[in-house]
Amino acid sequence: MGQKLRAADSTLPKPRQFAGFAEAPQVNPFHLEQAITSGLPRETLRDVARSIWPDTADANRLIHAIVPKSSLGRRDTLSPAQGEQTERLARLFGYATNLFGDIEDARAFMQRPHPELDGRRPVDACLTELGGRAVERVLDSLAFGLPV
């Protein structure tokens, strides 16, 4: 099983910043919190958005849903609230990728409206804490074979 898992991991694109979030359970949560509080580099958001949306225009829409276009060029780091949104997106996308075992299936999950999210797309729901919890509940149900 370890061989199969390693082979699957090697096929997934892992942008520099996103790779750390995908492995968040192994990261000390206090170090992650400190990094978010100190200000994640804005490239982190770009990397996460492009992991979820390979199309640049779609990725930019996600980026601008978190950081207004007028602010993006003026800041090198994300505010703590923007960092939390970025971390939540990355963590839940990483969860979906690990659960489905395929980055394309994880993207499809994140991009399509889901009935358990009142018809919202998981990527949009993840922008709030409560929406992120709802997405996590859907993923947990899928992971544990519960009805969704």
N, C-alpha and C. Protein backbone atom coordinates (compact mmCIF):
# COMPACT_ATOMS: atom_id res chain seq x y z
N MET A 1 0.82 -1.19 0.00
CA MET A 1 0.00 0.00 0.00
C MET A 1 0.86 1.26 0.00
N GLY A 2 1.99 1.22 0.73
CA GLY A 2 2.88 2.36 0.77
C GLY A 2 3.41 2.73 -0.59
N GLN A 3 3.73 1.71 -1.42
CA GLN A 3 4.22 1.96 -2.77
C GLN A 3 3.17 2.69 -3.60
N LYS A 4 1.92 2.23 -3.52
CA LYS A 4 0.84 2.84 -4.28
C LYS A 4 0.65 4.30 -3.86
N LEU A 5 0.68 4.56 -2.56
CA LEU A 5 0.50 5.91 -2.05
C LEU A 5 1.63 6.82 -2.53
N ARG A 6 2.88 6.34 -2.46
CA ARG A 6 4.00 7.15 -2.92
C ARG A 6 3.90 7.44 -4.41
N ALA A 7 3.48 6.47 -5.20
CA ALA A 7 3.36 6.68 -6.65
C ALA A 7 2.28 7.71 -6.94
N ALA A 8 1.16 7.65 -6.22
CA ALA A 8 0.09 8.62 -6.44
C ALA A 8 0.55 10.02 -6.04
N ASP A 9 1.28 10.14 -4.93
CA ASP A 9 1.75 11.45 -4.49
C ASP A 9 2.69 12.08 -5.50
N SER A 10 3.49 11.28 -6.18
CA SER A 10 4.47 11.84 -7.11
C SER A 10 3.80 12.42 -8.35
N THR A 11 2.55 12.04 -8.65
CA THR A 11 1.88 12.56 -9.83
C THR A 11 1.15 13.85 -9.55
N LEU A 12 0.97 14.21 -8.29
CA LEU A 12 0.24 15.42 -7.95
C LEU A 12 1.16 16.62 -8.03
N PRO A 13 0.70 17.67 -8.74
CA PRO A 13 1.51 18.88 -8.73
C PRO A 13 1.48 19.49 -7.35
N LYS A 14 2.63 19.85 -6.82
CA LYS A 14 2.70 20.43 -5.49
C LYS A 14 3.44 21.76 -5.57
N PRO A 15 2.69 22.84 -5.82
CA PRO A 15 3.35 24.13 -5.80
C PRO A 15 4.05 24.35 -4.46
N ARG A 16 5.08 25.13 -4.48
CA ARG A 16 5.95 25.33 -3.32
C ARG A 16 5.16 25.61 -2.03
N GLN A 17 4.30 26.59 -2.02
CA GLN A 17 3.59 26.96 -0.80
C GLN A 17 2.47 25.99 -0.46
N PHE A 18 1.79 25.44 -1.48
CA PHE A 18 0.65 24.58 -1.23
C PHE A 18 1.05 23.27 -0.60
N ALA A 19 2.22 22.77 -0.93
CA ALA A 19 2.65 21.47 -0.43
C ALA A 19 2.61 21.41 1.09
N GLY A 20 2.99 22.45 1.78
CA GLY A 20 2.98 22.46 3.23
C GLY A 20 1.58 22.40 3.80
N PHE A 21 0.62 23.05 3.17
CA PHE A 21 -0.74 23.02 3.66
C PHE A 21 -1.38 21.66 3.43
N ALA A 22 -1.05 21.00 2.33
CA ALA A 22 -1.64 19.69 2.04
C ALA A 22 -1.24 18.69 3.12
N GLU A 23 -0.13 18.94 3.78
CA GLU A 23 0.35 18.04 4.82
C GLU A 23 0.12 18.67 6.20
N ALA A 24 -0.86 19.55 6.32
CA ALA A 24 -1.11 20.30 7.55
C ALA A 24 -1.23 19.46 8.81
N PRO A 25 -1.81 18.23 8.77
CA PRO A 25 -1.89 17.47 10.02
C PRO A 25 -0.52 17.20 10.64
N GLN A 26 0.55 17.20 9.84
CA GLN A 26 1.89 16.95 10.36
C GLN A 26 2.58 18.23 10.79
N VAL A 27 1.99 19.37 10.48
CA VAL A 27 2.57 20.66 10.82
C VAL A 27 2.07 21.07 12.19
N ASN A 28 2.95 21.61 13.00
CA ASN A 28 2.56 22.12 14.30
C ASN A 28 1.54 23.24 14.08
N PRO A 29 0.31 23.11 14.60
CA PRO A 29 -0.71 24.12 14.34
C PRO A 29 -0.32 25.50 14.89
N PHE A 30 0.50 25.55 15.94
CA PHE A 30 0.90 26.84 16.47
C PHE A 30 1.90 27.53 15.55
N HIS A 31 2.74 26.76 14.86
CA HIS A 31 3.64 27.35 13.88
C HIS A 31 2.85 27.90 12.70
N LEU A 32 1.84 27.16 12.28
CA LEU A 32 0.98 27.61 11.18
C LEU A 32 0.24 28.88 11.59
N GLU A 33 -0.28 28.88 12.81
CA GLU A 33 -0.97 30.07 13.31
C GLU A 33 -0.03 31.28 13.34
N GLN A 34 1.20 31.06 13.78
CA GLN A 34 2.18 32.14 13.83
C GLN A 34 2.48 32.66 12.43
N ALA A 35 2.61 31.75 11.47
CA ALA A 35 2.88 32.16 10.09
C ALA A 35 1.72 32.99 9.54
N ILE A 36 0.50 32.56 9.84
CA ILE A 36 -0.68 33.30 9.37
C ILE A 36 -0.74 34.67 10.03
N THR A 37 -0.50 34.72 11.32
CA THR A 37 -0.54 35.99 12.06
C THR A 37 0.54 36.94 11.57
N SER A 38 1.71 36.40 11.26
CA SER A 38 2.82 37.22 10.77
C SER A 38 2.59 37.70 9.34
N GLY A 39 1.73 37.00 8.62
CA GLY A 39 1.42 37.38 7.23
C GLY A 39 2.02 36.41 6.24
N LEU A 40 1.18 35.55 5.72
CA LEU A 40 1.65 34.64 4.67
C LEU A 40 2.01 35.43 3.42
N PRO A 41 3.00 34.99 2.67
CA PRO A 41 3.30 35.67 1.41
C PRO A 41 2.10 35.60 0.46
N ARG A 42 1.85 36.65 -0.27
CA ARG A 42 0.69 36.65 -1.17
C ARG A 42 0.78 35.54 -2.22
N GLU A 43 2.00 35.07 -2.51
CA GLU A 43 2.16 33.98 -3.47
C GLU A 43 1.50 32.70 -2.97
N THR A 44 1.35 32.57 -1.66
CA THR A 44 0.69 31.39 -1.09
C THR A 44 -0.74 31.31 -1.60
N LEU A 45 -1.43 32.42 -1.58
CA LEU A 45 -2.80 32.46 -2.08
C LEU A 45 -2.83 32.13 -3.57
N ARG A 46 -1.91 32.69 -4.31
CA ARG A 46 -1.85 32.40 -5.75
C ARG A 46 -1.64 30.91 -5.99
N ASP A 47 -0.72 30.31 -5.25
CA ASP A 47 -0.44 28.88 -5.43
C ASP A 47 -1.66 28.01 -5.09
N VAL A 48 -2.35 28.36 -4.01
CA VAL A 48 -3.54 27.59 -3.63
C VAL A 48 -4.62 27.76 -4.69
N ALA A 49 -4.87 28.99 -5.11
CA ALA A 49 -5.91 29.25 -6.11
C ALA A 49 -5.61 28.51 -7.42
N ARG A 50 -4.36 28.51 -7.84
CA ARG A 50 -4.00 27.83 -9.09
C ARG A 50 -4.02 26.31 -8.94
N SER A 51 -3.87 25.82 -7.73
CA SER A 51 -4.01 24.38 -7.51
C SER A 51 -5.46 23.96 -7.68
N ILE A 52 -6.37 24.78 -7.20
CA ILE A 52 -7.80 24.47 -7.31
C ILE A 52 -8.32 24.79 -8.70
N TRP A 53 -7.91 25.91 -9.25
CA TRP A 53 -8.34 26.35 -10.58
C TRP A 53 -7.12 26.51 -11.49
N PRO A 54 -6.80 25.53 -12.30
CA PRO A 54 -5.65 25.67 -13.21
C PRO A 54 -5.80 26.82 -14.20
N ASP A 55 -7.04 27.17 -14.56
CA ASP A 55 -7.27 28.29 -15.46
C ASP A 55 -6.97 29.60 -14.72
N THR A 56 -6.15 30.43 -15.31
CA THR A 56 -5.70 31.66 -14.67
C THR A 56 -6.86 32.59 -14.33
N ALA A 57 -7.83 32.73 -15.23
CA ALA A 57 -8.95 33.64 -14.98
C ALA A 57 -9.77 33.16 -13.78
N ASP A 58 -10.03 31.86 -13.70
CA ASP A 58 -10.77 31.32 -12.55
C ASP A 58 -9.97 31.48 -11.27
N ALA A 59 -8.68 31.21 -11.34
CA ALA A 59 -7.82 31.37 -10.16
C ALA A 59 -7.82 32.82 -9.69
N ASN A 60 -7.76 33.76 -10.62
CA ASN A 60 -7.77 35.18 -10.26
C ASN A 60 -9.08 35.58 -9.60
N ARG A 61 -10.21 35.02 -10.06
CA ARG A 61 -11.49 35.32 -9.42
C ARG A 61 -11.49 34.86 -7.96
N LEU A 62 -10.92 33.69 -7.71
CA LEU A 62 -10.82 33.20 -6.35
C LEU A 62 -9.90 34.09 -5.52
N ILE A 63 -8.77 34.46 -6.07
CA ILE A 63 -7.83 35.34 -5.38
C ILE A 63 -8.52 36.65 -4.99
N HIS A 64 -9.27 37.23 -5.94
CA HIS A 64 -9.91 38.53 -5.69
C HIS A 64 -11.13 38.41 -4.78
N ALA A 65 -11.65 37.20 -4.60
CA ALA A 65 -12.71 37.00 -3.60
C ALA A 65 -12.13 37.10 -2.19
N ILE A 66 -10.83 36.87 -2.07
CA ILE A 66 -10.17 36.93 -0.77
C ILE A 66 -9.45 38.26 -0.57
N VAL A 67 -8.75 38.72 -1.59
CA VAL A 67 -8.02 39.99 -1.52
C VAL A 67 -8.51 40.87 -2.67
N PRO A 68 -9.07 42.03 -2.35
CA PRO A 68 -9.52 42.92 -3.43
C PRO A 68 -8.38 43.22 -4.41
N LYS A 69 -8.76 43.30 -5.66
CA LYS A 69 -7.76 43.55 -6.71
C LYS A 69 -6.94 44.80 -6.42
N SER A 70 -7.58 45.83 -5.90
CA SER A 70 -6.87 47.08 -5.62
C SER A 70 -5.83 46.94 -4.51
N SER A 71 -6.02 45.98 -3.63
CA SER A 71 -5.08 45.78 -2.51
C SER A 71 -3.96 44.81 -2.83
N LEU A 72 -4.22 43.92 -3.77
CA LEU A 72 -3.28 42.82 -4.01
C LEU A 72 -1.88 43.30 -4.38
N GLY A 73 -1.78 44.29 -5.22
CA GLY A 73 -0.48 44.76 -5.67
C GLY A 73 0.28 45.56 -4.63
N ARG A 74 -0.43 46.07 -3.63
CA ARG A 74 0.22 46.93 -2.63
C ARG A 74 0.80 46.15 -1.46
N ARG A 75 0.39 44.90 -1.30
CA ARG A 75 0.82 44.14 -0.12
C ARG A 75 1.67 42.95 -0.54
N ASP A 76 2.70 42.69 0.23
CA ASP A 76 3.52 41.51 0.00
C ASP A 76 3.01 40.31 0.80
N THR A 77 2.26 40.61 1.87
CA THR A 77 1.75 39.55 2.73
C THR A 77 0.24 39.67 2.87
N LEU A 78 -0.37 38.57 3.26
CA LEU A 78 -1.81 38.55 3.49
C LEU A 78 -2.11 38.97 4.92
N SER A 79 -3.27 39.58 5.10
CA SER A 79 -3.71 39.89 6.46
C SER A 79 -4.01 38.57 7.17
N PRO A 80 -4.09 38.56 8.49
CA PRO A 80 -4.43 37.31 9.19
C PRO A 80 -5.75 36.69 8.71
N ALA A 81 -6.77 37.51 8.46
CA ALA A 81 -8.05 36.97 7.98
C ALA A 81 -7.89 36.34 6.59
N GLN A 82 -7.14 36.99 5.72
CA GLN A 82 -6.90 36.45 4.39
C GLN A 82 -6.06 35.18 4.47
N GLY A 83 -5.10 35.15 5.39
CA GLY A 83 -4.28 33.97 5.60
C GLY A 83 -5.11 32.79 6.09
N GLU A 84 -6.07 33.07 6.99
CA GLU A 84 -6.95 32.01 7.47
C GLU A 84 -7.81 31.45 6.35
N GLN A 85 -8.32 32.32 5.48
CA GLN A 85 -9.11 31.85 4.34
C GLN A 85 -8.24 30.98 3.41
N THR A 86 -7.03 31.42 3.19
CA THR A 86 -6.11 30.68 2.32
C THR A 86 -5.78 29.33 2.92
N GLU A 87 -5.49 29.31 4.21
CA GLU A 87 -5.18 28.04 4.89
C GLU A 87 -6.37 27.10 4.82
N ARG A 88 -7.58 27.62 5.05
CA ARG A 88 -8.78 26.78 5.03
C ARG A 88 -8.98 26.17 3.64
N LEU A 89 -8.85 26.98 2.61
CA LEU A 89 -8.97 26.47 1.24
C LEU A 89 -7.94 25.38 0.97
N ALA A 90 -6.70 25.64 1.34
CA ALA A 90 -5.62 24.68 1.09
C ALA A 90 -5.84 23.39 1.86
N ARG A 91 -6.22 23.51 3.13
CA ARG A 91 -6.42 22.33 3.97
C ARG A 91 -7.56 21.46 3.44
N LEU A 92 -8.67 22.09 3.08
CA LEU A 92 -9.82 21.31 2.61
C LEU A 92 -9.59 20.77 1.20
N PHE A 93 -8.87 21.50 0.38
CA PHE A 93 -8.51 20.97 -0.94
C PHE A 93 -7.53 19.81 -0.77
N GLY A 94 -6.60 19.93 0.17
CA GLY A 94 -5.69 18.82 0.46
C GLY A 94 -6.44 17.60 0.97
N TYR A 95 -7.44 17.82 1.82
CA TYR A 95 -8.28 16.74 2.34
C TYR A 95 -8.99 16.05 1.18
N ALA A 96 -9.60 16.85 0.29
CA ALA A 96 -10.32 16.28 -0.86
C ALA A 96 -9.36 15.51 -1.77
N THR A 97 -8.17 16.04 -1.99
CA THR A 97 -7.19 15.36 -2.84
C THR A 97 -6.79 14.02 -2.23
N ASN A 98 -6.54 14.01 -0.92
CA ASN A 98 -6.18 12.75 -0.26
C ASN A 98 -7.35 11.78 -0.25
N LEU A 99 -8.55 12.28 -0.04
CA LEU A 99 -9.74 11.43 0.01
C LEU A 99 -10.02 10.79 -1.34
N PHE A 100 -10.01 11.60 -2.39
CA PHE A 100 -10.34 11.08 -3.72
C PHE A 100 -9.15 10.41 -4.40
N GLY A 101 -7.94 10.71 -3.93
CA GLY A 101 -6.75 10.10 -4.50
C GLY A 101 -6.37 10.63 -5.86
N ASP A 102 -7.02 11.71 -6.28
CA ASP A 102 -6.76 12.25 -7.62
C ASP A 102 -7.03 13.76 -7.57
N ILE A 103 -6.11 14.54 -8.05
CA ILE A 103 -6.26 15.99 -7.98
C ILE A 103 -7.42 16.47 -8.86
N GLU A 104 -7.65 15.81 -9.99
CA GLU A 104 -8.76 16.23 -10.86
C GLU A 104 -10.10 15.98 -10.19
N ASP A 105 -10.24 14.85 -9.48
CA ASP A 105 -11.48 14.58 -8.75
C ASP A 105 -11.66 15.58 -7.60
N ALA A 106 -10.58 15.94 -6.95
CA ALA A 106 -10.66 16.94 -5.88
C ALA A 106 -11.07 18.29 -6.45
N ARG A 107 -10.53 18.66 -7.59
CA ARG A 107 -10.92 19.91 -8.23
C ARG A 107 -12.40 19.88 -8.60
N ALA A 108 -12.84 18.76 -9.16
CA ALA A 108 -14.25 18.63 -9.53
C ALA A 108 -15.14 18.80 -8.31
N PHE A 109 -14.76 18.18 -7.19
CA PHE A 109 -15.53 18.32 -5.96
C PHE A 109 -15.59 19.79 -5.54
N MET A 110 -14.46 20.46 -5.51
CA MET A 110 -14.40 21.84 -5.04
C MET A 110 -15.16 22.80 -5.96
N GLN A 111 -15.22 22.49 -7.25
CA GLN A 111 -15.76 23.43 -8.23
C GLN A 111 -17.25 23.26 -8.52
N ARG A 112 -17.82 22.13 -8.16
CA ARG A 112 -19.23 21.87 -8.49
C ARG A 112 -20.15 22.15 -7.30
N PRO A 113 -21.32 22.73 -7.57
CA PRO A 113 -22.28 22.95 -6.49
C PRO A 113 -22.63 21.62 -5.81
N HIS A 114 -22.85 21.68 -4.51
CA HIS A 114 -23.16 20.47 -3.75
C HIS A 114 -24.46 20.68 -2.98
N PRO A 115 -25.37 19.70 -3.04
CA PRO A 115 -26.66 19.87 -2.37
C PRO A 115 -26.54 20.05 -0.86
N GLU A 116 -25.56 19.45 -0.22
CA GLU A 116 -25.39 19.60 1.23
C GLU A 116 -24.85 20.97 1.62
N LEU A 117 -24.49 21.75 0.63
CA LEU A 117 -23.99 23.12 0.87
C LEU A 117 -24.98 24.13 0.32
N ASP A 118 -26.25 23.74 0.30
CA ASP A 118 -27.32 24.59 -0.26
C ASP A 118 -27.02 25.01 -1.69
N GLY A 119 -26.45 24.09 -2.46
CA GLY A 119 -26.17 24.35 -3.86
C GLY A 119 -24.94 25.21 -4.10
N ARG A 120 -24.20 25.54 -3.05
CA ARG A 120 -22.97 26.32 -3.24
C ARG A 120 -21.83 25.39 -3.61
N ARG A 121 -20.83 25.95 -4.26
CA ARG A 121 -19.61 25.19 -4.55
C ARG A 121 -18.76 25.16 -3.29
N PRO A 122 -18.11 24.04 -3.00
CA PRO A 122 -17.24 23.98 -1.82
C PRO A 122 -16.18 25.09 -1.81
N VAL A 123 -15.62 25.42 -2.96
CA VAL A 123 -14.59 26.46 -3.02
C VAL A 123 -15.15 27.79 -2.52
N ASP A 124 -16.41 28.07 -2.79
CA ASP A 124 -17.03 29.31 -2.32
C ASP A 124 -17.40 29.20 -0.84
N ALA A 125 -17.90 28.06 -0.43
CA ALA A 125 -18.28 27.86 0.97
C ALA A 125 -17.06 27.99 1.89
N CYS A 126 -15.91 27.57 1.40
CA CYS A 126 -14.68 27.59 2.22
C CYS A 126 -14.22 28.99 2.56
N LEU A 127 -14.79 29.99 1.97
CA LEU A 127 -14.35 31.36 2.23
C LEU A 127 -14.77 31.85 3.62
N THR A 128 -15.71 31.14 4.26
CA THR A 128 -16.09 31.49 5.63
C THR A 128 -15.80 30.30 6.54
N GLU A 129 -15.64 30.58 7.82
CA GLU A 129 -15.37 29.51 8.79
C GLU A 129 -16.51 28.51 8.83
N LEU A 130 -17.75 29.00 8.91
CA LEU A 130 -18.89 28.08 8.99
C LEU A 130 -19.06 27.29 7.70
N GLY A 131 -18.84 27.94 6.57
CA GLY A 131 -18.91 27.23 5.30
C GLY A 131 -17.82 26.18 5.19
N GLY A 132 -16.63 26.51 5.68
CA GLY A 132 -15.54 25.53 5.69
C GLY A 132 -15.88 24.32 6.55
N ARG A 133 -16.54 24.56 7.68
CA ARG A 133 -16.96 23.44 8.52
C ARG A 133 -17.97 22.55 7.79
N ALA A 134 -18.87 23.18 7.04
CA ALA A 134 -19.85 22.41 6.27
C ALA A 134 -19.16 21.56 5.20
N VAL A 135 -18.17 22.12 4.53
CA VAL A 135 -17.41 21.37 3.53
C VAL A 135 -16.70 20.21 4.21
N GLU A 136 -16.11 20.46 5.36
CA GLU A 136 -15.41 19.41 6.08
C GLU A 136 -16.37 18.29 6.48
N ARG A 137 -17.60 18.64 6.88
CA ARG A 137 -18.60 17.61 7.22
C ARG A 137 -18.93 16.75 6.01
N VAL A 138 -19.06 17.37 4.83
CA VAL A 138 -19.32 16.61 3.61
C VAL A 138 -18.16 15.66 3.33
N LEU A 139 -16.95 16.16 3.42
CA LEU A 139 -15.77 15.31 3.19
C LEU A 139 -15.68 14.19 4.22
N ASP A 140 -15.96 14.51 5.48
CA ASP A 140 -15.94 13.47 6.52
C ASP A 140 -16.98 12.39 6.22
N SER A 141 -18.16 12.81 5.78
CA SER A 141 -19.21 11.83 5.44
C SER A 141 -18.75 10.92 4.31
N LEU A 142 -18.12 11.50 3.31
CA LEU A 142 -17.60 10.69 2.21
C LEU A 142 -16.49 9.77 2.69
N ALA A 143 -15.62 10.27 3.55
CA ALA A 143 -14.49 9.50 4.03
C ALA A 143 -14.94 8.29 4.87
N PHE A 144 -16.01 8.47 5.64
CA PHE A 144 -16.46 7.42 6.54
C PHE A 144 -17.66 6.64 6.02
N GLY A 145 -18.02 6.89 4.75
CA GLY A 145 -19.11 6.13 4.12
C GLY A 145 -20.48 6.46 4.67
N LEU A 146 -20.64 7.67 5.17
CA LEU A 146 -21.93 8.10 5.68
C LEU A 146 -22.75 8.71 4.54
N PRO A 147 -24.07 8.72 4.68
CA PRO A 147 -24.88 9.35 3.62
C PRO A 147 -24.56 10.83 3.50
N VAL A 148 -24.53 11.28 2.27
CA VAL A 148 -24.25 12.70 2.00
C VAL A 148 -25.46 13.29 1.34
